[in-house]
Amino acid sequence: MGNAKSSAMSKEILEDLKLNTKFSENELSQWYENFQKQCPSGRISPEEFKKIYERFFPESDATSYAQHVFRSFDQNDDGTLDFKEYIIALHMTSTGKTERKLEWAFSLFDVDKNGYITKSEVAEICQAIFKLIPKDEQEDLPADENTPEKRADKLWSFFNKKDNERLAEGEFIQGVLENEDAIHLIQYEPKK
């Protein structure tokens, strides 16, 4: 009693997360407890986030990709992730519906956060994704995807846009949904 900093999640945040994710109250409480242990400040810095990504991609350079992912999750642009931003991000990227995942992917590719994607932004994210792919796997990629530039060109071609045109979120989602090959170009999943 009298503790200025409560270690319990607020009812407001809990209710909001139960409404906006598929996680149960018990799961959210466990996530919160772990989050508090890992991040006693209640926030994840870009550096801490990068370390998390490095553990998932130990044979790769995850730095630039982690920076872009962090930017896309930092909804209030305060330079940190709080528990709510963290859980919403976790939900969108792991259990969310395909369309929600593509909304998140759009925010990842929208580097300048202006509501549109340009070919140069696609190239920047393809470069970051390519750095996640271990060298031995890069050698096995198809000829039209074996460099970040080729991946960006191939992905951009799915949207029927000229190099100097921009792409809105709906066009991005529709273009990816209509082209099976586009899905694997906007992400990297390590071989198990």
Protein backbone atom coordinates (compact mmCIF):
# COMPACT_ATOMS: atom_id res chain seq x y z
CA MET A 1 0.00 0.00 0.00
CA GLY A 2 1.10 3.52 -0.64
CA ASN A 3 3.38 2.25 -3.43
CA ALA A 4 3.69 5.06 -5.96
CA LYS A 5 4.33 2.68 -8.84
CA SER A 6 1.84 -0.12 -9.23
CA SER A 7 3.06 -3.27 -10.88
CA ALA A 8 -0.45 -4.19 -12.01
CA MET A 9 -1.78 -3.34 -15.43
CA SER A 10 -4.54 -0.72 -15.39
CA LYS A 11 -8.06 -2.01 -15.97
CA GLU A 12 -8.43 0.48 -18.84
CA ILE A 13 -5.39 -0.91 -20.70
CA LEU A 14 -6.43 -4.49 -19.94
CA GLU A 15 -9.96 -3.95 -21.31
CA ASP A 16 -8.61 -2.13 -24.38
CA LEU A 17 -6.16 -4.95 -25.15
CA LYS A 18 -8.82 -7.63 -24.62
CA LEU A 19 -11.01 -5.82 -27.16
CA ASN A 20 -8.24 -5.24 -29.71
CA THR A 21 -6.32 -8.50 -29.55
CA LYS A 22 -7.08 -12.19 -29.34
CA PHE A 23 -5.14 -12.52 -26.08
CA SER A 24 -6.99 -13.61 -22.93
CA GLU A 25 -6.83 -11.70 -19.66
CA ASN A 26 -4.55 -14.40 -18.26
CA GLU A 27 -2.20 -14.20 -21.27
CA LEU A 28 -2.11 -10.41 -21.07
CA SER A 29 -1.31 -10.56 -17.35
CA GLN A 30 1.56 -13.00 -18.01
CA TRP A 31 2.88 -10.81 -20.86
CA TYR A 32 2.67 -7.79 -18.58
CA GLU A 33 4.54 -9.52 -15.76
CA ASN A 34 7.33 -10.54 -18.16
CA PHE A 35 7.39 -7.07 -19.71
CA GLN A 36 7.80 -5.49 -16.27
CA LYS A 37 10.70 -7.85 -15.46
CA GLN A 38 12.45 -7.18 -18.77
CA CYS A 39 11.65 -3.45 -18.84
CA PRO A 40 11.33 -2.12 -15.29
CA SER A 41 10.95 1.41 -16.69
CA GLY A 42 7.75 0.29 -18.44
CA ARG A 43 9.22 1.19 -21.83
CA ILE A 44 11.38 -0.48 -24.48
CA SER A 45 14.07 1.68 -26.05
CA PRO A 46 15.19 1.27 -29.67
CA GLU A 47 18.46 -0.25 -28.38
CA GLU A 48 16.62 -2.85 -26.26
CA PHE A 49 14.35 -3.64 -29.19
CA LYS A 50 17.37 -4.14 -31.46
CA LYS A 51 18.84 -6.62 -28.95
CA ILE A 52 15.58 -8.59 -29.01
CA TYR A 53 15.76 -8.80 -32.81
CA GLU A 54 19.42 -9.82 -32.74
CA ARG A 55 18.42 -12.87 -30.68
CA PHE A 56 15.92 -13.90 -33.37
CA PHE A 57 18.43 -13.38 -36.20
CA PRO A 58 21.83 -14.32 -34.72
CA GLU A 59 23.47 -15.00 -38.11
CA SER A 60 22.24 -11.77 -39.70
CA ASP A 61 22.41 -8.02 -39.39
CA ALA A 62 19.04 -7.12 -37.86
CA THR A 63 19.92 -3.51 -36.98
CA SER A 64 18.19 -1.60 -39.78
CA TYR A 65 15.17 -3.91 -39.88
CA ALA A 66 14.72 -3.60 -36.11
CA GLN A 67 14.84 0.20 -36.42
CA HIS A 68 12.09 0.16 -39.06
CA VAL A 69 9.94 -2.29 -37.10
CA PHE A 70 10.38 -0.20 -33.96
CA ARG A 71 9.34 2.96 -35.85
CA SER A 72 6.21 1.23 -37.16
CA PHE A 73 5.22 0.08 -33.65
CA ASP A 74 5.90 3.42 -31.92
CA GLN A 75 2.39 4.74 -32.52
CA ASN A 76 2.81 7.94 -30.50
CA ASP A 77 6.31 8.70 -31.86
CA ASP A 78 7.83 9.13 -28.39
CA GLY A 79 10.90 7.01 -29.19
CA THR A 80 9.89 4.15 -26.89
CA LEU A 81 7.38 1.31 -26.84
CA ASP A 82 5.06 1.02 -23.87
CA PHE A 83 3.29 -2.21 -22.96
CA LYS A 84 0.18 -1.42 -25.00
CA GLU A 85 2.18 -0.63 -28.17
CA TYR A 86 4.24 -3.78 -27.60
CA ILE A 87 1.18 -6.05 -27.24
CA ILE A 88 -0.68 -4.53 -30.20
CA ALA A 89 2.47 -5.04 -32.29
CA LEU A 90 2.85 -8.61 -31.07
CA HIS A 91 -0.78 -9.33 -31.88
CA MET A 92 -0.64 -7.79 -35.35
CA THR A 93 2.49 -9.65 -36.37
CA SER A 94 1.69 -13.03 -34.83
CA THR A 95 -2.02 -13.73 -34.49
CA GLY A 96 -3.69 -10.94 -36.40
CA LYS A 97 -5.71 -11.38 -39.58
CA THR A 98 -3.86 -11.16 -42.89
CA GLU A 99 -5.32 -7.75 -43.66
CA ARG A 100 -4.19 -6.37 -40.26
CA LYS A 101 -0.72 -7.79 -40.85
CA LEU A 102 -0.65 -6.06 -44.22
CA GLU A 103 -1.76 -2.78 -42.59
CA TRP A 104 1.23 -3.14 -40.30
CA ALA A 105 3.48 -4.04 -43.26
CA PHE A 106 2.32 -0.86 -44.97
CA SER A 107 3.33 1.17 -41.91
CA LEU A 108 6.71 -0.58 -41.99
CA PHE A 109 7.26 0.40 -45.64
CA ASP A 110 5.92 3.94 -45.09
CA VAL A 111 9.29 5.11 -43.78
CA ASP A 112 8.43 8.84 -43.69
CA LYS A 113 4.92 8.18 -42.27
CA ASN A 114 3.20 10.32 -44.91
CA GLY A 115 0.51 7.75 -45.76
CA TYR A 116 2.11 6.62 -49.02
CA ILE A 117 4.89 4.29 -50.10
CA THR A 118 7.43 5.23 -52.77
CA LYS A 119 9.74 2.93 -54.68
CA SER A 120 12.70 4.31 -52.69
CA GLU A 121 10.96 3.34 -49.43
CA VAL A 122 10.35 -0.16 -50.83
CA ALA A 123 14.05 -0.33 -51.71
CA GLU A 124 15.05 0.80 -48.19
CA ILE A 125 12.92 -1.87 -46.49
CA CYS A 126 13.98 -4.57 -48.98
CA GLN A 127 17.59 -3.68 -48.12
CA ALA A 128 16.84 -4.13 -44.39
CA ILE A 129 14.99 -7.42 -45.01
CA PHE A 130 17.82 -8.70 -47.19
CA LYS A 131 20.29 -8.16 -44.33
CA LEU A 132 18.23 -10.61 -42.25
CA ILE A 133 18.81 -13.41 -44.77
CA PRO A 134 21.95 -15.43 -43.96
CA LYS A 135 24.56 -15.48 -46.75
CA ASP A 136 24.08 -19.20 -47.47
CA GLU A 137 20.33 -18.68 -47.99
CA GLN A 138 20.95 -15.64 -50.22
CA GLU A 139 22.81 -17.92 -52.63
CA ASP A 140 19.66 -20.07 -53.04
CA LEU A 141 17.34 -17.18 -53.92
CA PRO A 142 15.81 -16.95 -57.42
CA ALA A 143 17.80 -14.77 -59.83
CA ASP A 144 15.13 -12.04 -59.79
CA GLU A 145 15.27 -11.80 -55.96
CA ASN A 146 18.94 -12.35 -55.13
CA THR A 147 19.77 -8.70 -54.38
CA PRO A 148 17.84 -6.09 -52.41
CA GLU A 149 17.45 -4.02 -55.59
CA LYS A 150 15.99 -6.94 -57.55
CA ARG A 151 13.59 -7.72 -54.69
CA ALA A 152 12.46 -4.10 -54.58
CA ASP A 153 11.98 -4.00 -58.37
CA LYS A 154 10.02 -7.25 -58.34
CA LEU A 155 7.81 -6.12 -55.45
CA TRP A 156 7.19 -2.69 -57.00
CA SER A 157 6.19 -4.35 -60.29
CA PHE A 158 3.23 -6.05 -58.56
CA PHE A 159 1.64 -2.64 -57.99
CA ASN A 160 1.73 -1.47 -61.64
CA LYS A 161 3.24 1.86 -60.62
CA LYS A 162 5.89 3.92 -62.34
CA ASP A 163 9.13 4.48 -60.44
CA ASN A 164 8.13 8.04 -59.47
CA GLU A 165 4.53 7.23 -58.41
CA ARG A 166 3.37 6.52 -54.88
CA LEU A 167 1.26 3.78 -53.42
CA ALA A 168 -1.64 4.19 -50.95
CA GLU A 169 -2.37 1.65 -48.21
CA GLY A 170 -5.38 0.08 -49.98
CA GLU A 171 -3.37 -0.37 -53.17
CA PHE A 172 -0.54 -1.98 -51.19
CA ILE A 173 -2.86 -4.43 -49.42
CA GLN A 174 -4.72 -5.31 -52.62
CA GLY A 175 -1.46 -5.72 -54.57
CA VAL A 176 0.00 -8.09 -51.99
CA LEU A 177 -3.22 -10.09 -51.63
CA GLU A 178 -3.49 -10.50 -55.42
CA ASN A 179 0.13 -11.64 -55.86
CA GLU A 180 1.20 -14.71 -53.93
CA ASP A 181 4.88 -13.96 -54.58
CA ALA A 182 4.58 -10.53 -52.97
CA ILE A 183 4.01 -11.95 -49.47
CA HIS A 184 7.46 -13.54 -49.23
CA LEU A 185 9.10 -10.38 -50.61
CA ILE A 186 7.76 -8.18 -47.79
CA GLN A 187 9.09 -10.41 -45.02
CA TYR A 188 11.76 -12.93 -44.11
CA GLU A 189 11.05 -16.08 -42.16
CA PRO A 190 14.13 -18.01 -41.08
CA LYS A 191 14.37 -21.62 -42.18
CA LYS A 192 13.86 -23.89 -39.22
